[in-house]
Amino acid sequence: MSAATTRSRTPDRLCAEAVDLARAAAEEAAAPGVVGEHVGLLSEGDRVVTHYFECKELGYRGWRWAATVARASRAKIVTLDEVVLLPGPDAVLAPEWVPWSERLRPGDMGPGDLLPTDAEDLRLEPGYSGEDEPTPNAPVSHEMAELVEAEDAEVTAAAPTDLPTVPARGSISAVAEELGLRRARVLSRYGLHTAADRWEESFGAKTPMAQAAPATCVSCGFLSPIGGSLGQAFGVCANEFSPADGRVVSLAYGCGGHSEAAVMPKPPQPPAPVIDETRVDPFPLRPAADSGSVPAVTDEATAELGHA
């Protein structure tokens, strides 16, 4: 460790005592009444000291006015170097700036919003390959880009109405157009995996609803299949009473609205009455003598009490 480094850690005595000079400089740079108490000093080097003062400005809680003073070698006069407003260890700072592409979250888009995709987006790949180029009227074609950027129509190959809009018959583009597969870009393998992971996390086999379900969606009658490679693992729920109605669900997902998990029982029906027409039940006109609760024969004890 050099001697200069050792000396720089010890504040210069004359610079450390120049608190009034530092305060006057801070008050001149700041608004009246916003420079507070002296809160400390820091040695910046040989005969260079920074004095810190409390900042009372509204909205700058924890900030400090920093006035740096210095003196020349063997000089007795301390001079001002600079005055700045710096955040302290407990200062309220604005959050770090994040690009919009990293701040964007699912559900942030509204009506009329446009979300451009990067030309090198890993989620997409060319929709067709071969020697064919996009048609001249395609948004990704070089001819259309030059036509849009041109200010004079004479510099273009032809007028927009004269440019060919149909690919040559028999080419890869023509076959893709006929099959309905003509897209500039389609989902790449990475895009398929990210979409599958996102859907699996929302409506997959590990969700609490699926863990308590009586059966999976693969055997549910309300599952509407989807095309493409994702259709091997996902479908669309069409049960209006399910929490996943209209959502892409994993075939391993499930809920209590499974079509075959519980069948509504039919209300019980009373049996039909049975009438036996081969026998006759006798119905006496008068009750039998021994059918009552009081015996027909009176005893002497009850007769004396007045009972019949």
Protein backbone atom coordinates (compact mmCIF):
# COMPACT_ATOMS: atom_id res chain seq x y z
CA MET A 1 0.00 0.00 0.00
CA SER A 2 1.46 3.36 -1.05
CA ALA A 3 1.86 6.38 1.20
CA ALA A 4 -0.55 8.39 -0.95
CA THR A 5 -3.28 5.82 -0.40
CA THR A 6 -2.67 5.87 3.34
CA ARG A 7 -2.89 9.65 3.51
CA SER A 8 -6.11 9.79 1.44
CA ARG A 9 -8.07 7.86 4.08
CA THR A 10 -7.45 10.55 6.71
CA PRO A 11 -9.47 13.75 6.10
CA ASP A 12 -7.41 16.90 5.72
CA ARG A 13 -7.78 19.02 8.86
CA LEU A 14 -8.34 22.36 7.12
CA CYS A 15 -10.78 20.86 4.62
CA ALA A 16 -12.65 19.04 7.39
CA GLU A 17 -13.03 22.31 9.31
CA ALA A 18 -14.44 24.16 6.29
CA VAL A 19 -18.04 23.32 7.18
CA ASP A 20 -19.23 26.93 6.84
CA LEU A 21 -17.76 27.23 3.37
CA ALA A 22 -19.45 24.00 2.28
CA ARG A 23 -22.78 25.06 3.79
CA ALA A 24 -22.69 28.45 2.10
CA ALA A 25 -22.01 26.80 -1.25
CA ALA A 26 -24.86 24.30 -0.74
CA GLU A 27 -27.33 27.05 0.25
CA GLU A 28 -26.33 29.07 -2.82
CA ALA A 29 -27.00 26.09 -5.12
CA ALA A 30 -30.20 24.97 -3.39
CA ALA A 31 -33.50 26.70 -2.74
CA PRO A 32 -33.76 28.73 0.48
CA GLY A 33 -34.39 26.65 3.59
CA VAL A 34 -33.76 23.19 2.11
CA VAL A 35 -30.20 22.66 3.42
CA GLY A 36 -30.34 20.98 6.83
CA GLU A 37 -27.87 19.87 9.44
CA HIS A 38 -24.36 18.67 8.72
CA VAL A 39 -24.53 14.87 8.69
CA GLY A 40 -20.93 13.89 8.04
CA LEU A 41 -17.91 14.11 5.78
CA LEU A 42 -15.88 11.81 3.56
CA SER A 43 -12.25 11.99 2.49
CA GLU A 44 -12.09 11.76 -1.30
CA GLY A 45 -8.28 11.91 -1.52
CA ASP A 46 -5.31 14.05 -0.50
CA ARG A 47 -6.70 17.41 0.72
CA VAL A 48 -10.13 16.68 -0.79
CA VAL A 49 -13.14 16.35 1.55
CA THR A 50 -16.88 16.12 0.82
CA HIS A 51 -19.31 17.52 3.40
CA TYR A 52 -22.85 16.16 3.52
CA PHE A 53 -25.90 18.17 4.61
CA GLU A 54 -29.45 17.01 5.15
CA CYS A 55 -31.89 17.81 2.32
CA LYS A 56 -35.29 19.15 3.43
CA GLU A 57 -36.73 19.38 -0.06
CA LEU A 58 -40.13 17.70 -0.37
CA GLY A 59 -39.93 14.49 -2.36
CA TYR A 60 -36.20 13.99 -1.66
CA ARG A 61 -36.37 12.03 1.56
CA GLY A 62 -33.00 10.51 2.39
CA TRP A 63 -31.08 12.69 -0.10
CA ARG A 64 -28.08 14.82 0.91
CA TRP A 65 -26.40 17.94 -0.37
CA ALA A 66 -22.75 17.13 -1.03
CA ALA A 67 -20.24 20.01 -1.11
CA THR A 68 -16.66 19.02 -2.00
CA VAL A 69 -13.81 21.30 -0.87
CA ALA A 70 -10.09 21.05 -1.53
CA ARG A 71 -6.83 22.92 -1.07
CA ALA A 72 -3.55 22.94 -2.90
CA SER A 73 -0.39 21.45 -1.49
CA ARG A 74 1.11 23.69 1.25
CA ALA A 75 -1.78 26.16 0.83
CA LYS A 76 -3.75 27.48 3.77
CA ILE A 77 -6.85 28.51 1.80
CA VAL A 78 -9.62 25.97 1.18
CA THR A 79 -11.57 26.34 -2.07
CA LEU A 80 -14.84 24.93 -3.33
CA ASP A 81 -14.78 22.10 -5.84
CA GLU A 82 -18.44 21.23 -6.57
CA VAL A 83 -21.92 21.00 -5.03
CA VAL A 84 -24.36 18.22 -5.98
CA LEU A 85 -27.48 16.56 -4.61
CA LEU A 86 -26.84 12.86 -4.02
CA PRO A 87 -29.02 10.02 -2.70
CA GLY A 88 -28.16 8.67 0.71
CA PRO A 89 -28.34 5.04 1.86
CA ASP A 90 -32.03 5.47 2.79
CA ALA A 91 -33.02 7.67 -0.15
CA VAL A 92 -36.23 7.11 -2.08
CA LEU A 93 -35.17 6.33 -5.65
CA ALA A 94 -37.12 5.66 -8.81
CA PRO A 95 -37.19 2.00 -9.86
CA GLU A 96 -34.72 0.85 -12.46
CA TRP A 97 -35.93 1.46 -15.99
CA VAL A 98 -37.14 -1.67 -17.76
CA PRO A 99 -37.82 -1.80 -21.53
CA TRP A 100 -41.46 -2.10 -22.53
CA SER A 101 -40.82 -5.49 -24.10
CA GLU A 102 -39.84 -6.82 -20.67
CA ARG A 103 -42.62 -5.01 -18.78
CA LEU A 104 -45.39 -6.40 -20.98
CA ARG A 105 -47.49 -9.09 -19.34
CA PRO A 106 -50.35 -11.28 -20.58
CA GLY A 107 -53.60 -9.35 -20.44
CA ASP A 108 -52.03 -5.89 -20.88
CA MET A 109 -53.26 -5.47 -24.44
CA GLY A 110 -56.51 -3.59 -25.00
CA PRO A 111 -58.71 -2.76 -27.99
CA GLY A 112 -56.69 -0.98 -30.65
CA ASP A 113 -53.28 -1.89 -29.19
CA LEU A 114 -50.61 -3.28 -31.50
CA LEU A 115 -47.92 -5.68 -30.29
CA PRO A 116 -45.07 -5.92 -32.82
CA THR A 117 -43.04 -9.12 -32.91
CA ASP A 118 -39.31 -9.21 -33.42
CA ALA A 119 -38.06 -10.46 -36.76
CA GLU A 120 -35.86 -12.91 -34.86
CA ASP A 121 -38.56 -14.00 -32.39
CA LEU A 122 -37.65 -17.47 -31.17
CA ARG A 123 -41.32 -18.42 -30.94
CA LEU A 124 -41.77 -18.15 -34.72
CA GLU A 125 -40.18 -19.71 -37.76
CA PRO A 126 -40.80 -19.41 -41.52
CA GLY A 127 -44.12 -20.86 -42.59
CA TYR A 128 -42.72 -22.38 -45.79
CA SER A 129 -39.27 -23.07 -47.19
CA GLY A 130 -37.68 -23.49 -50.57
CA GLU A 131 -36.61 -21.24 -53.39
CA ASP A 132 -39.91 -19.34 -53.38
CA GLU A 133 -40.04 -15.78 -52.10
CA PRO A 134 -43.11 -14.11 -50.58
CA THR A 135 -45.52 -12.67 -53.09
CA PRO A 136 -44.92 -9.01 -53.99
CA ASN A 137 -48.01 -7.87 -52.11
CA ALA A 138 -47.01 -9.69 -48.90
CA PRO A 139 -46.08 -7.44 -45.95
CA VAL A 140 -42.75 -9.24 -45.61
CA SER A 141 -41.70 -8.91 -49.24
CA HIS A 142 -38.89 -6.62 -50.33
CA GLU A 143 -40.98 -5.20 -53.16
CA MET A 144 -43.73 -4.06 -50.82
CA ALA A 145 -41.23 -2.53 -48.39
CA GLU A 146 -39.57 -0.56 -51.17
CA LEU A 147 -42.96 0.51 -52.49
CA VAL A 148 -44.04 1.84 -49.11
CA GLU A 149 -40.80 3.72 -48.51
CA ALA A 150 -40.65 5.25 -51.99
CA GLU A 151 -41.90 8.81 -52.36
CA ASP A 152 -42.09 8.77 -56.16
CA ALA A 153 -44.07 6.04 -57.92
CA GLU A 154 -41.80 6.19 -60.97
CA VAL A 155 -38.90 4.57 -59.13
CA THR A 156 -40.88 1.37 -58.52
CA ALA A 157 -41.02 -1.54 -60.91
CA ALA A 158 -44.72 -1.02 -61.57
CA ALA A 159 -47.89 0.36 -60.06
CA PRO A 160 -49.33 -1.59 -57.13
CA THR A 161 -52.27 -2.74 -59.25
CA ASP A 162 -49.90 -4.13 -61.87
CA LEU A 163 -47.80 -6.18 -59.45
CA PRO A 164 -48.54 -9.94 -59.45
CA THR A 165 -50.61 -11.04 -56.46
CA VAL A 166 -50.94 -14.77 -57.19
CA PRO A 167 -47.91 -17.09 -56.90
CA ALA A 168 -46.89 -19.14 -59.89
CA ARG A 169 -48.91 -22.34 -60.22
CA GLY A 170 -47.08 -25.45 -59.06
CA SER A 171 -44.69 -23.58 -56.75
CA ILE A 172 -44.42 -24.23 -53.03
CA SER A 173 -46.19 -20.94 -52.33
CA ALA A 174 -49.08 -21.87 -54.63
CA VAL A 175 -49.52 -25.27 -52.98
CA ALA A 176 -49.42 -23.69 -49.51
CA GLU A 177 -51.97 -21.11 -50.64
CA GLU A 178 -54.31 -23.81 -51.91
CA LEU A 179 -54.04 -25.87 -48.71
CA GLY A 180 -54.65 -22.85 -46.50
CA LEU A 181 -51.18 -23.04 -44.99
CA ARG A 182 -49.84 -19.83 -46.51
CA ARG A 183 -48.43 -17.88 -43.57
CA ALA A 184 -45.23 -15.91 -43.40
CA ARG A 185 -44.31 -17.40 -40.02
CA VAL A 186 -45.62 -20.21 -37.86
CA LEU A 187 -44.91 -21.43 -34.35
CA SER A 188 -41.44 -22.82 -33.88
CA ARG A 189 -40.61 -25.74 -31.61
CA TYR A 190 -39.63 -23.26 -28.92
CA GLY A 191 -42.94 -21.41 -29.33
CA LEU A 192 -44.87 -24.67 -29.05
CA HIS A 193 -43.03 -25.66 -25.87
CA THR A 194 -43.54 -22.27 -24.19
CA ALA A 195 -47.26 -22.28 -25.03
CA ALA A 196 -47.61 -25.85 -23.75
CA ASP A 197 -45.83 -24.98 -20.50
CA ARG A 198 -48.03 -21.92 -20.02
CA TRP A 199 -51.26 -23.84 -20.61
CA GLU A 200 -50.10 -26.76 -18.49
CA GLU A 201 -49.45 -24.41 -15.57
CA SER A 202 -52.93 -22.87 -15.78
CA PHE A 203 -55.04 -25.93 -16.59
CA GLY A 204 -52.81 -28.95 -16.16
CA ALA A 205 -52.64 -32.12 -14.15
CA LYS A 206 -50.85 -30.50 -11.19
CA THR A 207 -53.53 -27.89 -10.45
CA PRO A 208 -55.67 -28.34 -7.30
CA MET A 209 -58.81 -28.72 -9.42
CA ALA A 210 -57.30 -31.56 -11.42
CA GLN A 211 -55.99 -33.29 -8.30
CA ALA A 212 -59.52 -33.45 -6.86
CA ALA A 213 -61.29 -34.29 -10.14
CA PRO A 214 -62.99 -37.68 -10.53
CA ALA A 215 -61.64 -38.13 -14.08
CA THR A 216 -59.51 -36.41 -16.71
CA CYS A 217 -60.55 -34.34 -19.70
CA VAL A 218 -59.41 -36.96 -22.20
CA SER A 219 -62.59 -38.96 -21.47
CA CYS A 220 -64.92 -35.97 -21.07
CA GLY A 221 -67.64 -35.36 -23.62
CA PHE A 222 -67.32 -31.59 -23.25
CA LEU A 223 -63.75 -31.58 -24.59
CA SER A 224 -63.43 -30.09 -28.06
CA PRO A 225 -60.24 -31.26 -29.84
CA ILE A 226 -57.84 -28.85 -31.53
CA GLY A 227 -55.68 -29.38 -34.60
CA GLY A 228 -51.94 -29.41 -34.97
CA SER A 229 -49.31 -31.03 -32.81
CA LEU A 230 -50.70 -29.34 -29.69
CA GLY A 231 -53.92 -31.31 -30.17
CA GLN A 232 -52.10 -34.41 -28.93
CA ALA A 233 -51.98 -32.97 -25.42
CA PHE A 234 -54.57 -30.16 -25.27
CA GLY A 235 -58.17 -29.37 -26.13
CA VAL A 236 -60.81 -26.70 -25.50
CA CYS A 237 -63.35 -27.07 -22.69
CA ALA A 238 -66.97 -26.51 -23.77
CA ASN A 239 -68.72 -27.01 -20.42
CA GLU A 240 -70.34 -23.75 -19.39
CA PHE A 241 -70.32 -24.78 -15.72
CA SER A 242 -66.63 -25.68 -15.69
CA PRO A 243 -64.01 -23.17 -14.46
CA ALA A 244 -62.11 -23.82 -17.70
CA ASP A 245 -64.99 -23.08 -20.08
CA GLY A 246 -63.59 -21.74 -23.35
CA ARG A 247 -59.99 -22.32 -22.21
CA VAL A 248 -57.27 -24.55 -23.59
CA VAL A 249 -56.92 -27.41 -21.12
CA SER A 250 -54.54 -30.31 -20.85
CA LEU A 251 -55.91 -33.74 -21.56
CA ALA A 252 -54.73 -34.66 -18.05
CA TYR A 253 -56.74 -31.82 -16.50
CA GLY A 254 -60.08 -32.48 -14.88
CA CYS A 255 -62.87 -30.93 -12.83
CA GLY A 256 -66.11 -31.88 -11.17
CA GLY A 257 -68.06 -31.16 -14.34
CA HIS A 258 -66.82 -34.28 -16.14
CA SER A 259 -69.53 -35.62 -18.40
CA GLU A 260 -69.21 -39.23 -17.21
CA ALA A 261 -68.09 -38.76 -13.62
CA ALA A 262 -71.58 -38.46 -12.14
CA VAL A 263 -74.94 -39.19 -13.74
CA MET A 264 -78.03 -37.46 -12.40
CA PRO A 265 -80.20 -40.20 -10.80
CA LYS A 266 -83.80 -40.52 -11.90
CA PRO A 267 -86.46 -39.57 -9.35
CA PRO A 268 -87.99 -42.63 -7.64
CA GLN A 269 -91.34 -43.78 -9.08
CA PRO A 270 -93.92 -45.47 -6.83
CA PRO A 271 -94.88 -49.00 -7.93
CA ALA A 272 -98.14 -49.48 -9.76
CA PRO A 273 -101.03 -50.57 -7.55
CA VAL A 274 -101.87 -54.30 -7.55
CA ILE A 275 -105.54 -55.25 -7.57
CA ASP A 276 -106.53 -58.85 -6.77
CA GLU A 277 -109.89 -59.48 -8.36
CA THR A 278 -110.06 -63.20 -7.42
CA ARG A 279 -110.89 -62.79 -3.73
CA VAL A 280 -113.35 -60.77 -1.65
CA ASP A 281 -112.47 -59.11 1.62
CA PRO A 282 -115.34 -59.17 4.13
CA PHE A 283 -116.31 -55.84 5.67
CA PRO A 284 -118.72 -56.32 8.67
CA LEU A 285 -121.42 -53.73 9.13
CA ARG A 286 -121.09 -53.87 12.91
CA PRO A 287 -117.86 -54.16 14.89
CA ALA A 288 -117.14 -57.37 16.67
CA ALA A 289 -117.95 -57.61 20.35
CA ASP A 290 -114.34 -58.16 21.33
CA SER A 291 -112.83 -55.49 19.08
CA GLY A 292 -113.09 -52.58 21.55
CA SER A 293 -110.78 -51.57 24.40
CA VAL A 294 -113.42 -52.19 27.05
CA PRO A 295 -114.41 -55.80 27.63
CA ALA A 296 -117.97 -56.61 26.78
CA VAL A 297 -118.52 -58.56 30.04
CA THR A 298 -118.85 -56.26 33.06
CA ASP A 299 -117.43 -57.25 36.37
CA GLU A 300 -118.89 -56.31 39.71
CA ALA A 301 -115.99 -54.03 40.70
CA THR A 302 -116.39 -51.76 37.75
CA ALA A 303 -120.13 -51.79 38.01
CA GLU A 304 -119.99 -50.41 41.53
CA LEU A 305 -117.81 -47.52 40.30
CA GLY A 306 -120.30 -46.64 37.64
CA HIS A 307 -118.47 -48.01 34.65
CA ALA A 308 -120.37 -49.77 31.95
